[in-house]
Amino acid sequence: MRIDVHFTPAGLVAGDLAGRGVVVIDALRATTTVITALANGAKAVIPAASSEEAVRLASNLEKDGVVLAGERKSVKIEGFALGNSPREMTAAAVGGKTIVLATTNGTPALVAAQGGDPVLVGAPVNFKALAERARAALAGRGDLVIVCAGRDKQFAIEDAYTAGRLIKAVKKGIRKLALNDAARAAAALTTEFANWEEALEESEAARQLADVDLSADVGFAARADLFSVVPAYADRRIT
């Protein structure tokens, strides 16, 4: 059995992930937002690689049931109904709706993960349930790939820490488990922080969110096991 971590999706193509179990992580904030939206009754989330693609995808869907959401530089995209804050994904805002989401880092990572089977969406807010599903995927496939969204095409400590915690949770009881270098580094990183709050709050992403008065999103994202839903991405939809 083997677990590979990619600290960013750069260079990944669909063929790299074909037939492999995949987990995508963007703790601050896209995967947290997706999980929250679906837990609060959204019908589906469609990730878009850009705001332009989001508008195009939404135009092909029934207008009454579609909500455009997304951010650039952490701020809601002009003309979109919602940003990328999980706190916006209330039942009143997203219940029964299809959310077309475009973010700087998270949704491009999800799009890059196409071809995996399954492709699971993870974050601290669904960690316990995610670990169970990821372990099942590893057992079934013999292979698990954890794709971190990163930040501006670079390493993001909050995603790597989450990946490391996931590796430690998944590998319990497995005698022979190969890890690539990034997976070993992610696992080692878990000793650097006392808890989720510390890992997320000390990240560059948290500082950027603070600059635009969105620090509350960091606290929300650090609330472990808030939801039991583990979204899966297939055929360009997360459900």
C-alpha atoms as a PDB file:
ATOM      1  CA  MET A   1       0.000   0.000   0.000  1.00  0.00           C
ATOM      2  CA  ARG A   2       1.152   3.516  -0.754  1.00  0.00           C
ATOM      3  CA  ILE A   3       0.245   7.123   0.026  1.00  0.00           C
ATOM      4  CA  ASP A   4       1.551   9.988  -2.093  1.00  0.00           C
ATOM      5  CA  VAL A   5       1.155  13.657  -1.216  1.00  0.00           C
ATOM      6  CA  HIS A   6       1.344  16.528  -3.671  1.00  0.00           C
ATOM      7  CA  PHE A   7       1.771  19.890  -1.958  1.00  0.00           C
ATOM      8  CA  THR A   8       0.248  21.625  -4.993  1.00  0.00           C
ATOM      9  CA  PRO A   9      -1.612  20.262  -8.034  1.00  0.00           C
ATOM     10  CA  ALA A  10       1.039  21.680 -10.379  1.00  0.00           C
ATOM     11  CA  GLY A  11       1.970  19.180 -13.061  1.00  0.00           C
ATOM     12  CA  LEU A  12      -0.838  16.739 -12.291  1.00  0.00           C
ATOM     13  CA  VAL A  13      -2.797  15.389 -15.240  1.00  0.00           C
ATOM     14  CA  ALA A  14      -5.817  13.091 -15.213  1.00  0.00           C
ATOM     15  CA  GLY A  15      -3.753  10.075 -16.213  1.00  0.00           C
ATOM     16  CA  ASP A  16      -1.614  10.420 -13.085  1.00  0.00           C
ATOM     17  CA  LEU A  17      -4.630   9.690 -10.893  1.00  0.00           C
ATOM     18  CA  ALA A  18      -6.572   7.169 -12.970  1.00  0.00           C
ATOM     19  CA  GLY A  19      -7.856   4.366 -10.783  1.00  0.00           C
ATOM     20  CA  ARG A  20      -6.289   5.784  -7.637  1.00  0.00           C
ATOM     21  CA  GLY A  21      -8.078   6.987  -4.521  1.00  0.00           C
ATOM     22  CA  VAL A  22      -7.677  10.749  -4.147  1.00  0.00           C
ATOM     23  CA  VAL A  23      -8.306  13.276  -1.379  1.00  0.00           C
ATOM     24  CA  VAL A  24      -8.276  17.008  -2.183  1.00  0.00           C
ATOM     25  CA  ILE A  25      -7.583  19.458   0.651  1.00  0.00           C
ATOM     26  CA  ASP A  26      -7.916  23.241   0.714  1.00  0.00           C
ATOM     27  CA  ALA A  27      -8.602  23.887   4.384  1.00  0.00           C
ATOM     28  CA  LEU A  28      -8.622  27.683   3.918  1.00  0.00           C
ATOM     29  CA  ARG A  29     -11.109  27.649   2.381  1.00  0.00           C
ATOM     30  CA  ALA A  30     -12.534  25.904  -0.671  1.00  0.00           C
ATOM     31  CA  THR A  31     -12.928  22.337   0.557  1.00  0.00           C
ATOM     32  CA  THR A  32     -14.283  23.595   3.883  1.00  0.00           C
ATOM     33  CA  THR A  33     -16.795  25.668   1.923  1.00  0.00           C
ATOM     34  CA  VAL A  34     -17.817  22.739  -0.307  1.00  0.00           C
ATOM     35  CA  ILE A  35     -18.332  20.434   2.674  1.00  0.00           C
ATOM     36  CA  THR A  36     -20.381  23.062   4.510  1.00  0.00           C
ATOM     37  CA  ALA A  37     -22.564  23.790   1.471  1.00  0.00           C
ATOM     38  CA  LEU A  38     -23.409  20.130   0.927  1.00  0.00           C
ATOM     39  CA  ALA A  39     -23.957  19.498   4.631  1.00  0.00           C
ATOM     40  CA  ASN A  40     -26.434  22.388   4.617  1.00  0.00           C
ATOM     41  CA  GLY A  41     -28.471  21.013   1.750  1.00  0.00           C
ATOM     42  CA  ALA A  42     -26.853  22.146  -1.486  1.00  0.00           C
ATOM     43  CA  LYS A  43     -27.742  19.826  -4.354  1.00  0.00           C
ATOM     44  CA  ALA A  44     -24.228  19.818  -5.819  1.00  0.00           C
ATOM     45  CA  VAL A  45     -21.104  21.938  -6.171  1.00  0.00           C
ATOM     46  CA  ILE A  46     -19.480  22.398  -9.567  1.00  0.00           C
ATOM     47  CA  PRO A  47     -15.848  23.541  -9.286  1.00  0.00           C
ATOM     48  CA  ALA A  48     -14.545  25.896 -11.966  1.00  0.00           C
ATOM     49  CA  ALA A  49     -10.926  26.643 -12.740  1.00  0.00           C
ATOM     50  CA  SER A  50     -11.678  30.348 -13.265  1.00  0.00           C
ATOM     51  CA  SER A  51     -14.434  32.897 -12.767  1.00  0.00           C
ATOM     52  CA  GLU A  52     -14.977  32.972 -16.528  1.00  0.00           C
ATOM     53  CA  GLU A  53     -15.494  29.229 -16.614  1.00  0.00           C
ATOM     54  CA  ALA A  54     -17.889  29.494 -13.664  1.00  0.00           C
ATOM     55  CA  VAL A  55     -20.063  31.984 -15.540  1.00  0.00           C
ATOM     56  CA  ARG A  56     -20.036  29.752 -18.614  1.00  0.00           C
ATOM     57  CA  LEU A  57     -20.934  26.628 -16.648  1.00  0.00           C
ATOM     58  CA  ALA A  58     -23.725  28.432 -14.800  1.00  0.00           C
ATOM     59  CA  SER A  59     -25.192  29.718 -18.068  1.00  0.00           C
ATOM     60  CA  ASN A  60     -25.813  26.128 -19.164  1.00  0.00           C
ATOM     61  CA  LEU A  61     -27.847  25.313 -16.045  1.00  0.00           C
ATOM     62  CA  GLU A  62     -31.343  26.254 -14.957  1.00  0.00           C
ATOM     63  CA  LYS A  63     -30.989  29.787 -13.621  1.00  0.00           C
ATOM     64  CA  ASP A  64     -33.438  29.402 -10.738  1.00  0.00           C
ATOM     65  CA  GLY A  65     -31.423  26.589  -9.173  1.00  0.00           C
ATOM     66  CA  VAL A  66     -27.903  27.932  -9.595  1.00  0.00           C
ATOM     67  CA  VAL A  67     -25.791  30.088  -7.292  1.00  0.00           C
ATOM     68  CA  LEU A  68     -22.483  31.583  -8.431  1.00  0.00           C
ATOM     69  CA  ALA A  69     -19.879  31.675  -5.670  1.00  0.00           C
ATOM     70  CA  GLY A  70     -16.187  32.417  -5.541  1.00  0.00           C
ATOM     71  CA  GLU A  71     -13.282  34.650  -4.624  1.00  0.00           C
ATOM     72  CA  ARG A  72     -10.214  36.353  -5.975  1.00  0.00           C
ATOM     73  CA  LYS A  73      -7.570  37.458  -3.469  1.00  0.00           C
ATOM     74  CA  SER A  74      -9.931  36.154  -0.760  1.00  0.00           C
ATOM     75  CA  VAL A  75     -12.702  38.637  -1.674  1.00  0.00           C
ATOM     76  CA  LYS A  76     -16.052  37.764  -3.273  1.00  0.00           C
ATOM     77  CA  ILE A  77     -16.010  38.077  -7.055  1.00  0.00           C
ATOM     78  CA  GLU A  78     -17.988  41.069  -8.247  1.00  0.00           C
ATOM     79  CA  GLY A  79     -21.386  40.024  -9.553  1.00  0.00           C
ATOM     80  CA  PHE A  80     -21.343  36.628  -7.798  1.00  0.00           C
ATOM     81  CA  ALA A  81     -24.009  35.877  -5.197  1.00  0.00           C
ATOM     82  CA  LEU A  82     -21.630  34.368  -2.639  1.00  0.00           C
ATOM     83  CA  GLY A  83     -17.942  34.406  -1.859  1.00  0.00           C
ATOM     84  CA  ASN A  84     -15.825  31.504  -0.639  1.00  0.00           C
ATOM     85  CA  SER A  85     -16.689  31.776   3.034  1.00  0.00           C
ATOM     86  CA  PRO A  86     -18.062  28.590   4.593  1.00  0.00           C
ATOM     87  CA  ARG A  87     -20.079  30.827   6.902  1.00  0.00           C
ATOM     88  CA  GLU A  88     -22.063  32.030   3.883  1.00  0.00           C
ATOM     89  CA  MET A  89     -23.127  28.485   3.005  1.00  0.00           C
ATOM     90  CA  THR A  90     -26.247  28.492   5.148  1.00  0.00           C
ATOM     91  CA  ALA A  91     -29.262  26.313   4.470  1.00  0.00           C
ATOM     92  CA  ALA A  92     -31.200  29.429   3.477  1.00  0.00           C
ATOM     93  CA  ALA A  93     -28.564  30.417   0.902  1.00  0.00           C
ATOM     94  CA  VAL A  94     -27.721  27.039  -0.634  1.00  0.00           C
ATOM     95  CA  GLY A  95     -30.495  24.571   0.201  1.00  0.00           C
ATOM     96  CA  GLY A  96     -31.574  22.719  -2.932  1.00  0.00           C
ATOM     97  CA  LYS A  97     -29.204  24.765  -5.094  1.00  0.00           C
ATOM     98  CA  THR A  98     -26.323  23.875  -7.390  1.00  0.00           C
ATOM     99  CA  ILE A  99     -23.313  25.990  -6.449  1.00  0.00           C
ATOM    100  CA  VAL A 100     -20.855  26.882  -9.206  1.00  0.00           C
ATOM    101  CA  LEU A 101     -17.667  27.739  -7.315  1.00  0.00           C
ATOM    102  CA  ALA A 102     -14.481  29.419  -8.536  1.00  0.00           C
ATOM    103  CA  THR A 103     -11.564  30.018  -6.161  1.00  0.00           C
ATOM    104  CA  THR A 104      -7.915  30.920  -6.505  1.00  0.00           C
ATOM    105  CA  ASN A 105      -6.448  27.616  -5.300  1.00  0.00           C
ATOM    106  CA  GLY A 106      -9.057  25.074  -4.261  1.00  0.00           C
ATOM    107  CA  THR A 107     -11.223  24.657  -7.316  1.00  0.00           C
ATOM    108  CA  PRO A 108      -8.264  24.372  -9.735  1.00  0.00           C
ATOM    109  CA  ALA A 109      -6.958  21.587  -7.469  1.00  0.00           C
ATOM    110  CA  LEU A 110     -10.318  19.821  -7.650  1.00  0.00           C
ATOM    111  CA  VAL A 111     -10.405  20.132 -11.430  1.00  0.00           C
ATOM    112  CA  ALA A 112      -6.860  18.721 -11.571  1.00  0.00           C
ATOM    113  CA  ALA A 113      -7.968  15.710  -9.520  1.00  0.00           C
ATOM    114  CA  GLN A 114     -10.335  14.442 -12.189  1.00  0.00           C
ATOM    115  CA  GLY A 115      -9.601  10.834 -13.027  1.00  0.00           C
ATOM    116  CA  GLY A 116      -9.221   9.649  -9.456  1.00  0.00           C
ATOM    117  CA  ASP A 117     -11.649   7.045  -8.164  1.00  0.00           C
ATOM    118  CA  PRO A 118     -12.942   8.092  -5.741  1.00  0.00           C
ATOM    119  CA  VAL A 119     -12.057  11.792  -5.423  1.00  0.00           C
ATOM    120  CA  LEU A 120     -12.918  12.795  -1.856  1.00  0.00           C
ATOM    121  CA  VAL A 121     -13.182  16.350  -0.537  1.00  0.00           C
ATOM    122  CA  GLY A 122     -11.523  16.838   2.835  1.00  0.00           C
ATOM    123  CA  ALA A 123     -10.830  19.391   5.558  1.00  0.00           C
ATOM    124  CA  PRO A 124     -10.687  19.493   9.354  1.00  0.00           C
ATOM    125  CA  VAL A 125     -14.472  20.051   9.478  1.00  0.00           C
ATOM    126  CA  ASN A 126     -15.121  16.488   8.230  1.00  0.00           C
ATOM    127  CA  PHE A 127     -11.867  14.887   9.338  1.00  0.00           C
ATOM    128  CA  LYS A 128     -13.076  11.810  11.225  1.00  0.00           C
ATOM    129  CA  ALA A 129     -15.501  10.801   8.487  1.00  0.00           C
ATOM    130  CA  LEU A 130     -12.896  11.622   5.836  1.00  0.00           C
ATOM    131  CA  ALA A 131     -10.305   9.379   7.492  1.00  0.00           C
ATOM    132  CA  GLU A 132     -12.726   6.460   7.424  1.00  0.00           C
ATOM    133  CA  ARG A 133     -13.523   6.960   3.730  1.00  0.00           C
ATOM    134  CA  ALA A 134      -9.865   7.519   2.831  1.00  0.00           C
ATOM    135  CA  ARG A 135      -8.851   4.344   4.648  1.00  0.00           C
ATOM    136  CA  ALA A 136     -11.490   2.412   2.723  1.00  0.00           C
ATOM    137  CA  ALA A 137     -10.214   3.886  -0.540  1.00  0.00           C
ATOM    138  CA  LEU A 138      -6.650   2.905   0.351  1.00  0.00           C
ATOM    139  CA  ALA A 139      -7.733  -0.616   1.251  1.00  0.00           C
ATOM    140  CA  GLY A 140      -9.706  -0.965  -1.965  1.00  0.00           C
ATOM    141  CA  ARG A 141      -7.157   0.570  -4.315  1.00  0.00           C
ATOM    142  CA  GLY A 142      -3.933  -0.072  -2.450  1.00  0.00           C
ATOM    143  CA  ASP A 143      -3.043   3.474  -3.295  1.00  0.00           C
ATOM    144  CA  LEU A 144      -4.066   6.933  -2.031  1.00  0.00           C
ATOM    145  CA  VAL A 145      -3.074  10.353  -3.361  1.00  0.00           C
ATOM    146  CA  ILE A 146      -3.546  13.461  -1.223  1.00  0.00           C
ATOM    147  CA  VAL A 147      -3.619  16.630  -3.321  1.00  0.00           C
ATOM    148  CA  CYS A 148      -3.107  19.864  -1.412  1.00  0.00           C
ATOM    149  CA  ALA A 149      -4.381  23.021  -3.085  1.00  0.00           C
ATOM    150  CA  GLY A 150      -1.484  25.076  -1.787  1.00  0.00           C
ATOM    151  CA  ARG A 151      -1.427  28.849  -2.000  1.00  0.00           C
ATOM    152  CA  ASP A 152      -0.561  30.705  -5.196  1.00  0.00           C
ATOM    153  CA  LYS A 153       1.006  27.530  -6.620  1.00  0.00           C
ATOM    154  CA  GLN A 154       3.212  27.118  -3.565  1.00  0.00           C
ATOM    155  CA  PHE A 155       3.277  25.117  -0.341  1.00  0.00           C
ATOM    156  CA  ALA A 156       0.537  25.916   2.200  1.00  0.00           C
ATOM    157  CA  ILE A 157       1.183  24.792   5.745  1.00  0.00           C
ATOM    158  CA  GLU A 158      -2.483  24.325   6.698  1.00  0.00           C
ATOM    159  CA  ASP A 159      -3.063  21.888   3.818  1.00  0.00           C
ATOM    160  CA  ALA A 160       0.163  19.982   4.465  1.00  0.00           C
ATOM    161  CA  TYR A 161      -0.649  19.701   8.181  1.00  0.00           C
ATOM    162  CA  THR A 162      -4.105  18.334   7.346  1.00  0.00           C
ATOM    163  CA  ALA A 163      -2.520  15.851   4.935  1.00  0.00           C
ATOM    164  CA  GLY A 164      -0.117  14.726   7.652  1.00  0.00           C
ATOM    165  CA  ARG A 165      -2.909  14.247  10.160  1.00  0.00           C
ATOM    166  CA  LEU A 166      -4.805  12.226   7.561  1.00  0.00           C
ATOM    167  CA  ILE A 167      -1.818   9.976   6.886  1.00  0.00           C
ATOM    168  CA  LYS A 168      -1.446   9.242  10.593  1.00  0.00           C
ATOM    169  CA  ALA A 169      -5.166   8.488  10.955  1.00  0.00           C
ATOM    170  CA  VAL A 170      -5.302   6.258   7.884  1.00  0.00           C
ATOM    171  CA  LYS A 171      -2.152   4.215   8.501  1.00  0.00           C
ATOM    172  CA  LYS A 172      -3.121   2.875  11.941  1.00  0.00           C
ATOM    173  CA  GLY A 173      -2.848  -0.901  11.867  1.00  0.00           C
ATOM    174  CA  ILE A 174      -1.244  -1.040   8.422  1.00  0.00           C
ATOM    175  CA  ARG A 175       2.123  -2.758   8.656  1.00  0.00           C
ATOM    176  CA  LYS A 176       3.579  -1.983   5.261  1.00  0.00           C
ATOM    177  CA  LEU A 177       2.846   1.483   3.915  1.00  0.00           C
ATOM    178  CA  ALA A 178       5.097   3.303   1.464  1.00  0.00           C
ATOM    179  CA  LEU A 179       5.139   7.106   1.546  1.00  0.00           C
ATOM    180  CA  ASN A 180       6.612   9.500  -0.978  1.00  0.00           C
ATOM    181  CA  ASP A 181       8.914  12.236   0.338  1.00  0.00           C
ATOM    182  CA  ALA A 182       6.106  14.802   0.541  1.00  0.00           C
ATOM    183  CA  ALA A 183       3.954  12.381   2.531  1.00  0.00           C
ATOM    184  CA  ARG A 184       6.792  11.781   4.978  1.00  0.00           C
ATOM    185  CA  ALA A 185       7.302  15.529   5.345  1.00  0.00           C
ATOM    186  CA  ALA A 186       3.574  16.093   5.904  1.00  0.00           C
ATOM    187  CA  ALA A 187       3.466  13.434   8.606  1.00  0.00           C
ATOM    188  CA  ALA A 188       6.509  14.960  10.317  1.00  0.00           C
ATOM    189  CA  LEU A 189       4.856  18.397  10.248  1.00  0.00           C
ATOM    190  CA  THR A 190       2.075  17.229  12.563  1.00  0.00           C
ATOM    191  CA  THR A 191       4.403  17.513  15.558  1.00  0.00           C
ATOM    192  CA  GLU A 192       4.974  21.220  14.905  1.00  0.00           C
ATOM    193  CA  PHE A 193       1.513  22.319  16.033  1.00  0.00           C
ATOM    194  CA  ALA A 194      -0.580  21.501  19.075  1.00  0.00           C
ATOM    195  CA  ASN A 195      -3.915  21.408  17.261  1.00  0.00           C
ATOM    196  CA  TRP A 196      -5.911  22.443  14.212  1.00  0.00           C
ATOM    197  CA  GLU A 197      -6.406  25.988  15.489  1.00  0.00           C
ATOM    198  CA  GLU A 198      -2.704  26.636  15.820  1.00  0.00           C
ATOM    199  CA  ALA A 199      -1.849  25.145  12.430  1.00  0.00           C
ATOM    200  CA  LEU A 200      -4.473  27.150  10.582  1.00  0.00           C
ATOM    201  CA  GLU A 201      -4.087  30.404  12.493  1.00  0.00           C
ATOM    202  CA  GLU A 202      -0.331  30.532  11.929  1.00  0.00           C
ATOM    203  CA  SER A 203      -0.630  30.146   8.152  1.00  0.00           C
ATOM    204  CA  GLU A 204      -0.082  32.836   5.528  1.00  0.00           C
ATOM    205  CA  ALA A 205      -3.616  32.212   4.317  1.00  0.00           C
ATOM    206  CA  ALA A 206      -4.965  33.142   7.750  1.00  0.00           C
ATOM    207  CA  ARG A 207      -3.036  36.405   7.679  1.00  0.00           C
ATOM    208  CA  GLN A 208      -4.414  37.214   4.240  1.00  0.00           C
ATOM    209  CA  LEU A 209      -7.948  36.524   5.451  1.00  0.00           C
ATOM    210  CA  ALA A 210      -7.375  38.756   8.469  1.00  0.00           C
ATOM    211  CA  ASP A 211      -6.396  41.574   6.117  1.00  0.00           C
ATOM    212  CA  VAL A 212      -9.876  41.459   4.552  1.00  0.00           C
ATOM    213  CA  ASP A 213     -11.758  40.971   7.848  1.00  0.00           C
ATOM    214  CA  LEU A 214     -12.413  37.261   7.327  1.00  0.00           C
ATOM    215  CA  SER A 215     -10.571  35.859  10.344  1.00  0.00           C
ATOM    216  CA  ALA A 216     -13.793  34.205  11.490  1.00  0.00           C
ATOM    217  CA  ASP A 217     -13.459  31.832   8.548  1.00  0.00           C
ATOM    218  CA  VAL A 218     -10.212  30.514  10.022  1.00  0.00           C
ATOM    219  CA  GLY A 219     -11.893  29.719  13.323  1.00  0.00           C
ATOM    220  CA  PHE A 220     -14.747  28.006  11.493  1.00  0.00           C
ATOM    221  CA  ALA A 221     -12.357  25.937   9.353  1.00  0.00           C
ATOM    222  CA  ALA A 222     -10.462  24.758  12.433  1.00  0.00           C
ATOM    223  CA  ARG A 223     -13.578  23.215  14.021  1.00  0.00           C
ATOM    224  CA  ALA A 224     -12.784  19.524  13.601  1.00  0.00           C
ATOM    225  CA  ASP A 225     -15.526  16.997  12.850  1.00  0.00           C
ATOM    226  CA  LEU A 226     -18.255  19.592  12.516  1.00  0.00           C
ATOM    227  CA  PHE A 227     -19.821  17.523   9.708  1.00  0.00           C
ATOM    228  CA  SER A 228     -20.029  13.822   8.871  1.00  0.00           C
ATOM    229  CA  VAL A 229     -20.488  14.330   5.133  1.00  0.00           C
ATOM    230  CA  VAL A 230     -17.601  13.360   2.818  1.00  0.00           C
ATOM    231  CA  PRO A 231     -18.306  14.841  -0.622  1.00  0.00           C
ATOM    232  CA  ALA A 232     -17.140  12.985  -3.719  1.00  0.00           C
ATOM    233  CA  TYR A 233     -16.212  14.556  -7.062  1.00  0.00           C
ATOM    234  CA  ALA A 234     -17.201  12.754 -10.259  1.00  0.00           C
ATOM    235  CA  ASP A 235     -18.355  13.858 -13.713  1.00  0.00           C
ATOM    236  CA  ARG A 236     -17.524  17.498 -12.900  1.00  0.00           C
ATOM    237  CA  ARG A 237     -19.896  17.548  -9.901  1.00  0.00           C
ATOM    238  CA  ILE A 238     -19.309  17.272  -6.197  1.00  0.00           C
ATOM    239  CA  THR A 239     -22.156  15.601  -4.354  1.00  0.00           C
END
